[in-house]
Protein backbone atom coordinates (compact mmCIF):
# COMPACT_ATOMS: atom_id res chain seq x y z
CA MET A 1 143.53 42.38 -50.05
CA SER A 2 139.87 42.47 -49.85
CA ASN A 3 139.63 38.84 -50.88
CA THR A 4 142.26 37.85 -48.39
CA THR A 5 140.53 39.76 -45.68
CA PHE A 6 137.22 38.22 -46.63
CA ASN A 7 138.65 34.69 -46.51
CA ASP A 8 140.17 35.28 -43.08
CA ASP A 9 136.91 36.63 -41.78
CA GLN A 10 135.13 33.69 -43.32
CA LYS A 11 137.50 31.29 -41.63
CA LYS A 12 137.04 33.04 -38.31
CA SER A 13 133.28 32.97 -38.80
CA SER A 14 133.37 29.28 -39.68
CA LYS A 15 135.44 28.46 -36.62
CA PHE A 16 133.07 30.48 -34.45
CA GLY A 17 130.09 28.75 -36.01
CA LEU A 18 131.68 25.37 -35.45
CA LYS A 19 132.28 26.18 -31.82
CA ILE A 20 128.69 27.33 -31.45
CA GLY A 21 127.49 24.11 -33.11
CA VAL A 22 129.64 21.91 -30.88
CA PHE A 23 128.41 23.81 -27.85
CA ILE A 24 124.78 23.41 -28.90
CA ILE A 25 125.24 19.72 -29.62
CA SER A 26 126.99 19.26 -26.25
CA VAL A 27 124.16 21.02 -24.47
CA ILE A 28 121.64 18.85 -26.27
CA LEU A 29 123.54 15.67 -25.44
CA LEU A 30 124.01 16.65 -21.81
CA GLY A 31 120.38 17.68 -21.54
CA SER A 32 119.27 14.39 -23.06
CA THR A 33 121.48 12.52 -20.64
CA ALA A 34 120.01 14.44 -17.74
CA VAL A 35 116.51 13.81 -19.02
CA ILE A 36 117.20 10.11 -19.48
CA TYR A 37 118.80 9.91 -16.03
CA GLY A 38 115.92 11.77 -14.47
CA VAL A 39 113.32 9.62 -16.24
CA ALA A 40 115.19 6.47 -15.20
CA LYS A 41 115.31 7.64 -11.61
CA ALA A 42 111.63 8.58 -11.65
CA ALA A 43 110.66 5.31 -13.30
CA ASP A 44 112.71 3.37 -10.78
CA TRP A 45 111.04 5.26 -7.94
CA ALA A 46 107.57 4.74 -9.44
CA TYR A 47 108.21 1.02 -9.83
CA ASN A 48 109.24 0.72 -6.19
CA GLU A 49 106.27 2.78 -5.08
CA ILE A 50 103.86 0.52 -6.94
CA LYS A 51 105.66 -2.63 -5.85
CA GLY A 52 105.50 -1.55 -2.22
CA ALA A 53 101.79 -0.75 -2.46
CA GLN A 54 102.50 2.72 -1.23
CA THR A 55 101.15 6.06 -2.50
CA ALA A 56 102.14 6.13 -6.17
CA GLN A 57 98.71 5.04 -7.39
CA THR A 58 96.52 6.69 -4.76
CA ASN A 59 98.30 10.07 -4.58
CA PRO A 60 99.08 11.37 -8.12
CA THR A 61 100.30 14.76 -6.81
CA ASN A 62 102.92 13.14 -4.61
CA TRP A 63 103.95 10.91 -7.52
CA LEU A 64 104.42 13.88 -9.88
CA ASP A 65 106.29 15.85 -7.21
CA LYS A 66 108.81 13.05 -6.83
CA ILE A 67 109.36 12.91 -10.61
CA LYS A 68 109.85 16.68 -10.60
CA ASP A 69 112.41 16.31 -7.81
CA ALA A 70 114.25 13.72 -9.88
CA PHE A 71 114.67 16.26 -12.70
CA THR A 72 115.48 19.31 -10.60
CA SER A 73 117.61 17.91 -7.77
CA LYS A 74 121.12 19.32 -7.76
CA ASN A 75 122.49 16.06 -6.52
CA GLN A 76 120.71 13.07 -7.99
CA ASP A 77 122.30 10.77 -5.41
CA ASP A 78 120.26 12.54 -2.73
CA ILE A 79 117.16 10.81 -4.06
CA THR A 80 117.16 7.32 -2.54
CA VAL A 81 114.27 5.01 -1.77
CA LYS A 82 115.00 2.41 0.89
CA GLU A 83 112.56 -0.48 0.96
CA THR A 84 112.98 -3.95 2.41
CA ILE A 85 110.51 -6.61 1.41
CA LYS A 86 110.66 -9.83 3.42
CA VAL A 87 108.72 -12.73 1.98
CA VAL A 88 108.23 -15.62 4.40
CA SER A 89 106.62 -18.84 3.20
CA GLU A 90 104.04 -20.53 5.39
CA GLU A 91 106.16 -23.67 5.37
CA SER A 92 109.22 -21.92 6.80
CA GLN A 93 107.05 -20.11 9.35
CA THR A 94 105.50 -23.41 10.46
CA ILE A 95 108.95 -24.93 10.90
CA SER A 96 109.99 -21.88 12.91
CA VAL A 97 106.93 -22.17 15.18
CA VAL A 98 107.55 -25.87 15.81
CA GLU A 99 111.23 -25.33 16.58
CA LYS A 100 110.36 -22.49 18.94
CA THR A 101 107.52 -24.18 20.86
CA SER A 102 108.34 -27.90 20.90
CA PRO A 103 110.85 -27.59 23.77
CA ALA A 104 107.99 -26.31 25.96
CA VAL A 105 105.66 -29.22 25.13
CA VAL A 106 105.84 -32.04 27.68
CA SER A 107 104.56 -35.59 27.93
CA ILE A 108 102.54 -36.56 31.01
CA VAL A 109 102.48 -40.17 32.15
CA ALA A 110 100.08 -41.43 34.84
CA SER A 111 101.24 -44.32 37.03
CA ALA A 112 99.30 -46.13 39.71
CA GLU A 113 99.73 -49.07 42.05
CA VAL A 114 97.92 -52.09 40.63
CA SER A 115 97.20 -55.22 42.67
CA ARG A 116 98.74 -58.47 41.46
CA LEU A 117 98.12 -62.09 42.49
CA GLN A 118 101.17 -64.36 42.72
CA ASN A 119 101.91 -67.97 43.70
CA CYS A 120 98.28 -69.00 43.32
CA TYR A 121 97.22 -72.59 43.54
CA GLY A 122 93.98 -74.41 44.19
CA THR A 123 90.69 -74.80 42.40
CA GLY A 124 88.07 -72.61 40.89
CA ASP A 125 84.33 -72.75 41.33
CA PHE A 126 84.03 -76.08 39.54
CA PHE A 127 85.92 -77.81 42.37
CA SER A 128 84.75 -75.53 45.17
CA ASP A 129 83.04 -78.43 46.97
CA LEU A 130 86.39 -80.21 47.46
CA PRO A 131 88.25 -79.86 50.76
CA PRO A 132 90.90 -77.09 50.63
CA GLU A 133 93.75 -79.58 50.98
CA PHE A 134 92.77 -81.17 47.64
CA ARG A 135 92.27 -77.96 45.65
CA LYS A 136 96.00 -77.32 45.25
CA PHE A 137 96.25 -80.36 42.97
CA PHE A 138 94.12 -78.59 40.34
CA ASN A 139 95.18 -75.66 38.14
CA ALA A 140 92.16 -73.43 38.65
CA PRO A 141 93.21 -70.56 40.99
CA ASP A 142 91.78 -70.18 44.42
CA GLN A 143 92.38 -66.54 45.35
CA SER A 144 92.26 -67.31 49.05
CA ASN A 145 95.61 -69.09 48.59
CA CYS A 146 97.33 -66.31 46.57
CA GLN A 147 99.93 -63.80 47.61
CA ARG A 148 98.79 -60.25 46.88
CA THR A 149 101.38 -57.74 45.71
CA THR A 150 101.21 -54.31 44.11
CA GLU A 151 103.06 -52.98 41.10
CA LYS A 152 103.27 -49.45 39.74
CA VAL A 153 102.24 -49.45 36.10
CA LYS A 154 101.43 -46.88 33.44
CA VAL A 155 97.69 -46.25 33.43
CA GLY A 156 97.44 -43.25 31.13
CA ALA A 157 99.29 -40.65 29.11
CA GLY A 158 98.69 -37.22 27.68
CA THR A 159 100.31 -33.92 26.82
CA GLY A 160 100.83 -30.58 28.51
CA PHE A 161 102.81 -27.43 27.91
CA LEU A 162 104.80 -25.02 30.02
CA VAL A 163 103.35 -21.53 30.44
CA SER A 164 106.05 -20.09 32.70
CA SER A 165 109.80 -20.47 33.14
CA ASP A 166 109.35 -21.66 36.73
CA GLY A 167 107.50 -24.87 35.91
CA TYR A 168 103.76 -24.15 35.60
CA ILE A 169 102.10 -26.55 33.17
CA VAL A 170 98.56 -26.59 31.75
CA THR A 171 96.78 -29.64 30.39
CA ASN A 172 93.31 -31.20 30.23
CA LYS A 173 91.57 -32.19 33.44
CA HIS A 174 90.85 -35.65 32.06
CA VAL A 175 94.59 -36.24 31.55
CA VAL A 176 95.14 -35.95 35.33
CA ASP A 177 91.68 -37.00 36.53
CA ASN A 178 92.83 -40.04 38.53
CA THR A 179 93.35 -38.73 42.05
CA LYS A 180 95.15 -41.94 43.08
CA ALA A 181 97.72 -41.79 40.29
CA GLU A 182 101.19 -40.27 40.27
CA TYR A 183 101.96 -38.00 37.33
CA THR A 184 105.39 -37.84 35.74
CA VAL A 185 106.33 -35.02 33.34
CA ILE A 186 108.90 -35.80 30.66
CA LEU A 187 110.73 -32.62 29.59
CA ASN A 188 111.80 -31.87 26.04
CA ASP A 189 114.10 -28.82 26.10
CA LYS A 190 117.78 -29.18 25.20
CA ASP A 191 119.00 -28.79 28.79
CA ASN A 192 116.56 -31.34 30.21
CA GLN A 193 115.88 -33.66 27.27
CA GLY A 194 114.11 -36.78 28.52
CA LYS A 195 114.29 -35.75 32.17
CA LYS A 196 111.43 -37.16 34.28
CA VAL A 197 109.97 -35.02 37.05
CA ILE A 198 107.07 -35.79 39.41
CA ALA A 199 104.38 -33.13 39.00
CA LYS A 200 102.04 -31.71 41.61
CA ILE A 201 98.42 -31.23 40.55
CA LEU A 202 97.52 -27.74 41.76
CA ALA A 203 93.98 -27.41 40.47
CA ARG A 204 91.37 -29.07 38.28
CA ASP A 205 88.75 -26.88 36.62
CA PRO A 206 85.27 -28.09 37.66
CA SER A 207 83.59 -26.50 34.63
CA ASN A 208 86.07 -26.82 31.77
CA ASP A 209 88.50 -29.58 30.88
CA ILE A 210 91.54 -27.75 32.26
CA ALA A 211 94.14 -28.57 34.93
CA VAL A 212 97.21 -26.74 36.23
CA LEU A 213 100.36 -28.61 37.32
CA LYS A 214 103.70 -27.54 38.78
CA ILE A 215 107.17 -29.03 38.64
CA ASP A 216 110.22 -27.95 40.65
CA VAL A 217 112.42 -26.98 37.73
CA THR A 218 113.36 -23.45 36.66
CA ASN A 219 114.76 -21.65 33.61
CA LEU A 220 112.43 -23.55 31.32
CA PRO A 221 111.14 -22.53 27.89
CA TYR A 222 107.44 -21.73 27.76
CA ILE A 223 104.66 -20.91 25.31
CA GLU A 224 102.97 -17.52 25.36
CA PHE A 225 99.20 -17.11 25.53
CA GLY A 226 97.52 -15.84 22.38
CA ASP A 227 94.13 -14.17 21.98
CA SER A 228 91.42 -16.72 21.18
CA ASP A 229 88.79 -13.96 20.91
CA LYS A 230 90.41 -12.77 17.66
CA LEU A 231 90.44 -16.13 15.89
CA LYS A 232 89.12 -16.35 12.35
CA VAL A 233 87.89 -19.43 10.53
CA GLY A 234 90.51 -20.40 7.98
CA GLN A 235 93.63 -19.28 9.84
CA THR A 236 96.49 -21.70 10.35
CA ALA A 237 96.42 -24.06 13.34
CA ILE A 238 99.30 -26.26 14.50
CA ALA A 239 98.84 -29.07 17.04
CA ILE A 240 101.68 -30.70 19.00
CA GLY A 241 101.23 -33.66 21.31
CA TYR A 242 102.11 -37.11 22.66
CA ALA A 243 100.23 -38.95 19.91
CA LEU A 244 98.76 -42.30 21.00
CA GLY A 245 100.74 -41.96 24.24
CA GLU A 246 103.70 -43.27 22.30
CA PHE A 247 105.05 -40.70 19.83
CA GLU A 248 106.29 -37.60 21.64
CA ASN A 249 105.88 -34.12 20.15
CA THR A 250 104.02 -35.24 17.05
CA VAL A 251 103.12 -32.24 14.87
CA SER A 252 100.04 -31.80 12.70
CA LYS A 253 98.85 -28.75 10.82
CA GLY A 254 95.53 -27.49 9.51
CA VAL A 255 93.21 -24.55 9.91
CA VAL A 256 90.66 -23.28 12.37
CA SER A 257 87.57 -24.85 10.78
CA GLY A 258 84.92 -23.63 13.22
CA LEU A 259 84.32 -21.58 16.35
CA ALA A 260 82.01 -21.70 19.37
CA ARG A 261 81.31 -25.44 19.04
CA SER A 262 79.57 -27.47 21.75
CA ILE A 263 80.14 -31.20 22.22
CA SER A 264 79.48 -34.06 24.63
CA ALA A 265 82.91 -35.53 25.36
CA VAL A 266 83.38 -39.00 26.81
CA GLY A 267 86.47 -39.59 28.93
CA ASN A 268 87.33 -41.89 31.84
CA GLY A 269 83.78 -43.24 31.79
CA LYS A 270 82.26 -39.77 32.18
CA VAL A 271 80.28 -37.59 29.81
CA GLU A 272 81.08 -33.89 29.94
CA GLU A 273 79.37 -31.04 28.13
CA LEU A 274 81.96 -28.69 26.67
CA LYS A 275 81.01 -25.45 24.94
CA GLY A 276 82.65 -22.56 23.13
CA LEU A 277 85.31 -24.85 21.62
CA ILE A 278 87.62 -24.21 18.68
CA GLN A 279 87.15 -26.68 15.83
CA THR A 280 90.19 -27.61 13.73
CA ASP A 281 91.10 -30.05 10.98
CA ALA A 282 94.64 -30.41 12.35
CA ALA A 283 94.94 -34.08 13.33
CA ILE A 284 94.31 -34.62 17.06
CA ASN A 285 94.91 -38.19 18.21
CA PRO A 286 94.52 -39.93 21.57
CA GLY A 287 97.45 -38.72 23.65
CA ASN A 288 97.34 -35.25 22.06
CA SER A 289 94.92 -34.18 24.80
CA GLY A 290 96.34 -31.29 26.80
CA GLY A 291 98.79 -30.22 24.11
CA PRO A 292 98.84 -26.75 22.57
CA LEU A 293 96.94 -25.62 19.51
CA LEU A 294 99.13 -22.88 18.07
CA GLY A 295 98.63 -19.99 15.70
CA ILE A 296 101.14 -19.12 12.99
CA SER A 297 102.75 -16.59 15.37
CA GLY A 298 103.72 -19.39 17.77
CA GLN A 299 101.34 -18.34 20.54
CA ALA A 300 98.89 -20.84 22.04
CA ILE A 301 95.29 -20.32 20.90
CA GLY A 302 93.87 -23.37 22.69
CA ILE A 303 94.37 -26.71 24.44
CA ASN A 304 93.59 -29.78 22.35
CA VAL A 305 90.77 -31.63 24.07
CA ALA A 306 88.88 -34.08 21.87
CA THR A 307 88.41 -35.60 18.46
CA ALA A 308 85.07 -36.27 16.78
CA ASN A 309 83.94 -39.57 15.28
CA ALA A 310 84.68 -38.17 11.86
CA GLN A 311 87.76 -37.50 9.79
CA SER A 312 89.64 -34.23 10.25
CA ILE A 313 87.55 -32.81 13.06
CA GLY A 314 89.14 -32.03 16.41
CA PHE A 315 88.42 -29.56 19.19
CA ALA A 316 90.36 -27.32 21.55
CA VAL A 317 89.48 -25.29 24.64
CA PRO A 318 89.99 -21.54 23.92
CA ILE A 319 93.19 -20.25 25.46
CA LYS A 320 91.41 -17.38 27.24
CA LEU A 321 89.81 -19.94 29.58
CA VAL A 322 93.18 -21.62 30.11
CA LYS A 323 94.86 -18.31 30.90
CA LYS A 324 92.15 -17.46 33.40
CA ALA A 325 92.52 -20.86 35.12
CA TYR A 326 96.32 -20.49 35.28
CA GLU A 327 96.18 -16.97 36.71
CA GLU A 328 93.59 -17.95 39.34
CA THR A 329 95.63 -20.98 40.36
CA LYS A 330 98.83 -18.97 40.65
CA LYS A 331 97.07 -16.34 42.75
CA SER A 332 94.81 -18.41 44.99
CA GLY A 333 95.68 -22.07 44.40
CA THR A 334 92.22 -22.89 43.04
CA ILE A 335 90.09 -22.40 39.96
CA SER A 336 86.76 -20.75 40.60
CA LYS A 337 83.72 -22.75 39.67
CA GLU A 338 81.68 -21.35 36.83
CA LYS A 339 78.29 -20.26 38.08
CA ILE A 340 75.61 -21.73 35.82
CA PRO A 341 72.14 -20.11 35.93
CA PHE A 342 69.33 -22.50 36.81
CA LEU A 343 65.54 -22.38 36.28
CA GLY A 344 64.48 -25.80 37.58
CA VAL A 345 61.91 -27.33 35.21
CA ARG A 346 61.69 -30.56 33.25
CA TYR A 347 60.20 -29.86 29.85
CA LEU A 348 59.32 -31.05 26.36
CA PRO A 349 59.87 -28.76 23.33
CA ILE A 350 56.68 -28.12 21.35
CA ASP A 351 56.55 -28.40 17.56
CA SER A 352 53.70 -28.84 15.08
CA ALA A 353 53.52 -32.60 15.70
CA ILE A 354 53.36 -32.19 19.51
CA LYS A 355 50.77 -29.44 19.05
CA GLU A 356 48.44 -31.65 16.97
CA LYS A 357 48.90 -34.76 19.10
CA ASN A 358 48.10 -32.93 22.35
CA ASN A 359 45.63 -30.43 20.91
CA LEU A 360 47.71 -27.45 22.05
CA SER A 361 47.29 -23.83 21.03
CA TYR A 362 50.96 -23.28 20.18
CA ASP A 363 53.58 -24.88 17.93
CA TYR A 364 56.47 -23.29 19.81
CA GLY A 365 57.64 -23.00 23.40
CA VAL A 366 58.10 -25.82 25.94
CA ILE A 367 55.58 -27.67 28.07
CA VAL A 368 56.54 -28.42 31.67
CA VAL A 369 56.17 -32.18 32.20
CA ARG A 370 57.37 -34.85 34.64
CA GLY A 371 59.76 -37.63 33.68
CA GLY A 372 59.25 -41.37 33.45
CA THR A 373 59.69 -42.08 37.15
CA ALA A 374 58.05 -40.77 40.29
CA THR A 375 61.22 -38.91 41.29
CA GLU A 376 61.51 -36.99 38.00
CA LEU A 377 59.27 -34.09 38.92
CA ALA A 378 58.11 -31.46 36.44
CA VAL A 379 59.23 -28.62 38.71
CA ILE A 380 62.13 -29.07 41.11
CA PRO A 381 61.11 -28.18 44.69
CA GLY A 382 62.77 -24.98 45.93
CA SER A 383 63.94 -24.01 42.44
CA PRO A 384 63.45 -20.52 40.92
CA ALA A 385 60.61 -21.92 38.78
CA ASN A 386 58.92 -23.37 41.86
CA LYS A 387 59.27 -20.06 43.73
CA ALA A 388 57.77 -18.18 40.76
CA GLY A 389 54.68 -20.41 40.72
CA ILE A 390 55.32 -22.47 37.57
CA VAL A 391 53.48 -25.81 37.69
CA GLU A 392 53.21 -28.97 35.64
CA ASN A 393 51.59 -28.54 32.19
CA ASP A 394 52.38 -24.82 32.02
CA ILE A 395 53.77 -23.76 28.64
CA ILE A 396 56.72 -21.36 28.62
CA LEU A 397 56.43 -19.33 25.39
CA LYS A 398 59.02 -16.56 25.65
CA ILE A 399 61.89 -15.38 27.77
CA GLY A 400 61.93 -11.62 27.53
CA SER A 401 61.13 -10.86 23.90
CA THR A 402 62.71 -14.08 22.57
CA LYS A 403 60.34 -16.80 21.41
CA ILE A 404 61.41 -20.31 22.44
CA ASP A 405 61.82 -22.56 19.39
CA GLU A 406 64.38 -24.75 17.64
CA SER A 407 66.65 -21.77 16.98
CA ASN A 408 66.37 -20.40 20.52
CA THR A 409 66.09 -23.26 22.99
CA LEU A 410 65.13 -22.73 26.62
CA SER A 411 68.51 -23.90 27.92
CA ALA A 412 70.46 -21.74 25.46
CA ILE A 413 68.54 -18.61 26.44
CA ILE A 414 68.95 -19.33 30.15
CA LYS A 415 72.72 -19.77 29.71
CA LYS A 416 73.01 -16.31 28.18
CA ASN A 417 72.03 -14.89 31.54
CA LYS A 418 73.91 -14.83 34.84
CA VAL A 419 73.15 -16.15 38.29
CA GLY A 420 71.07 -13.52 40.07
CA ASP A 421 69.53 -12.07 36.90
CA GLU A 422 65.79 -11.52 36.94
CA ILE A 423 64.10 -12.58 33.72
CA SER A 424 60.52 -12.32 32.52
CA LEU A 425 58.69 -15.39 31.21
CA LEU A 426 55.57 -15.37 29.08
CA ILE A 427 53.68 -18.53 30.01
CA TYR A 428 50.34 -20.13 29.16
CA SER A 429 48.81 -21.39 32.38
CA GLN A 430 45.27 -22.58 33.14
CA GLY A 431 43.81 -21.26 29.90
CA LYS A 432 45.42 -17.84 29.72
CA GLU A 433 48.73 -16.11 29.01
CA LYS A 434 50.58 -14.21 31.72
CA THR A 435 54.02 -12.77 32.38
CA ILE A 436 55.94 -13.72 35.50
CA LYS A 437 59.32 -12.70 36.92
CA VAL A 438 61.93 -15.30 37.85
CA LYS A 439 65.26 -14.72 39.59
CA LEU A 440 67.85 -17.22 38.36
CA GLU A 441 69.91 -19.12 40.91
CA GLU A 442 73.12 -21.14 40.70
CA LYS A 443 72.88 -24.72 39.56
CA LYS A 444 74.12 -27.02 42.30
C-alpha cells in the first residue's frame, strides 16, 4: 500500500511539477516576446527620431522615457509616431515655378509710324545740274519727286510681367522709352493665349530702369513680389523672357552670383548709371529685359535689366524698387524721383603718383580742379560747396571721420547721405587744414 501510495503521490507531484515548468516556460516565452516587441517598438521609434532630426540625439532623457513607455504601455498600439517627409528635387521645383509663373509673363512689342518713299524717279546729286524734266530718265532718286507714306512697323521688343489680376504690368523703362511708339502686350495665360492688347504707359521711373503699364483686361494671373533684401549669393535664380524679341517665355536658370552691383548700362543711345543690382549667371539675352528674375519659391526677386560683355553675367533691378514704383503709380499715377545728394565740385583723386608729380602733402583725398574747357569750373556756382567757401585747388581729405581714398571715394560717401544732411569736411586750403560744414542739396 505504501508503495502504491508513494507512486500515486509521485505521479501527482510529477504532474504538478510539469505544470509548473510549462507555466514558467510560458511566462519566459511571453516575457521574451514582450521584450522583443518593446525593443522593436523602441528601436523603430528611435530610428524615426534620428531620421527626422528631432530630439533623440539631443535629449537622452526623452529618448529613454519613450523606450520605457514602449515596455510599460498597457496597449502597445497607443504608441504611434506620425511623420511625413516630403523630398522635393530642385528640378521638379523649377518646373513647378515655371508652370506657375509663365502665364503671367508677357511680351511687349513697340510699333511706330515710319516714313516711306514711294514712286520715286529722277536723278541724284551726280545729275543735279540737269533740268528737272530730264532727271526722270535716270534711275537715281530725286526725293522731291517721291510720294511720302507712313507705315507702322515693329521698332522694339521686350518682356514684362503682370503684378495684379486687373492688368498692371512692370517692365524696364528702356523697353518703353520711345514716347512716340505704341506698345502692344501679348498675353500668355490659357484664357488669353496670344491675345494682343494695347497698353497704356502709366509711369517711367526717372532714377531706375522701371516702368509701369496697364491693360484693360481682368482676372489675369500675376506674380507675387518677393523680398530682395533677404537674397543670398548662391540661391537659385530663374529668368523668363522674350529672348531676342523672337522666342517668347524662354527660361534660363542659374544662381544669384552677386549683390549690390553698379554698372553703366547703354540703351537706346543713352548711358545710365544703375546701382544696387542683383548679379546672376542665369542667361539674360536681348529681349529678356523687363522679365522677372524668380526665386525657387516662385516669387519675383528682380526685373532683368542688362547683360555684361562677358559670359554668364546678367543683372536685375531688386524687386523692392519695383514694388515701390508700382505702389506709387497705383496710388498717385507717378513715380517719385529719387533725390540724389549733391556737393558741386569737379575733382581729381590723389594717389602717390599725383602727390609726387604735384608736390602735395597728401597721398589721399581729392583736389578740386577745373576741367578742360572754360565752362568746366572747379566749383559749380550756387552749389553747396560754393556756399561753404570751397575754392579751386582745395584738397578735401575727409568727410566726417572717413578718409577719402580708393576704398571710400568722394561720390560714394556723398551718396550714403540724404538731401538736407549737414556733413563736415576736413579740407586743406591755403596752407592749413580746417573743418567746414556743408549742407547737401538735391542734384538737378
